[in-house]
Amino acid sequence: MYDVPFGVCEILSNEIILEDLSFDDDYDIVFVNFGTDKAVKIFSYFKKIRQERINGFLDIFKSVGVELYLKDVLGVLHIVLLDILLADTNKQVLIVSDTGFTLESILFLQQNFKLLMGNFSNKSILIYDEHLSKATFKIDFKRGLLL
């Protein structure tokens, strides 16, 4: 069993994915970029964020030396993830599918969020690596688990 650590941004390896992910009942589990109705869709979510908030997020990333471009989906994903992380103070695990992203893009995302995750002691980002995984997983959104 893999206990999800807080304050991290990790890519889940094939070995970890094949084991149960362990979540307490008081965690909020948010799925991002998965092909189901209940998952957060990157562009739909982004369109709902106020421009002033987006500008503030861009400033946060600039303060740690990261220049984002919002003309591509990777830059937009950064903004969406940060908005979700800041939305409330509950324990939260974001599980992000890497579908549609290159390995280099995912590593860039991980590197950038590692700079910020120390500020989120009760939150984590786990990237579901479709490239590493050979198995097919069913997502149980009620329980917040990958099965």
Foldseek 3Di string as FASTA:
>chain_A
DAEDAALAEEEDAQVRQVDWYDDDPQEAEAEDPDPDPRHHDQVVQLVPDDPVLLVVLQVVLVVVPDHADPVDSLSSVSSSVVCVLPVDLTQYEYEYECPPHDPVSSVVSRVSVNSPSNVNRRYYYYYHYPPRHPDDWDADNVRNITD
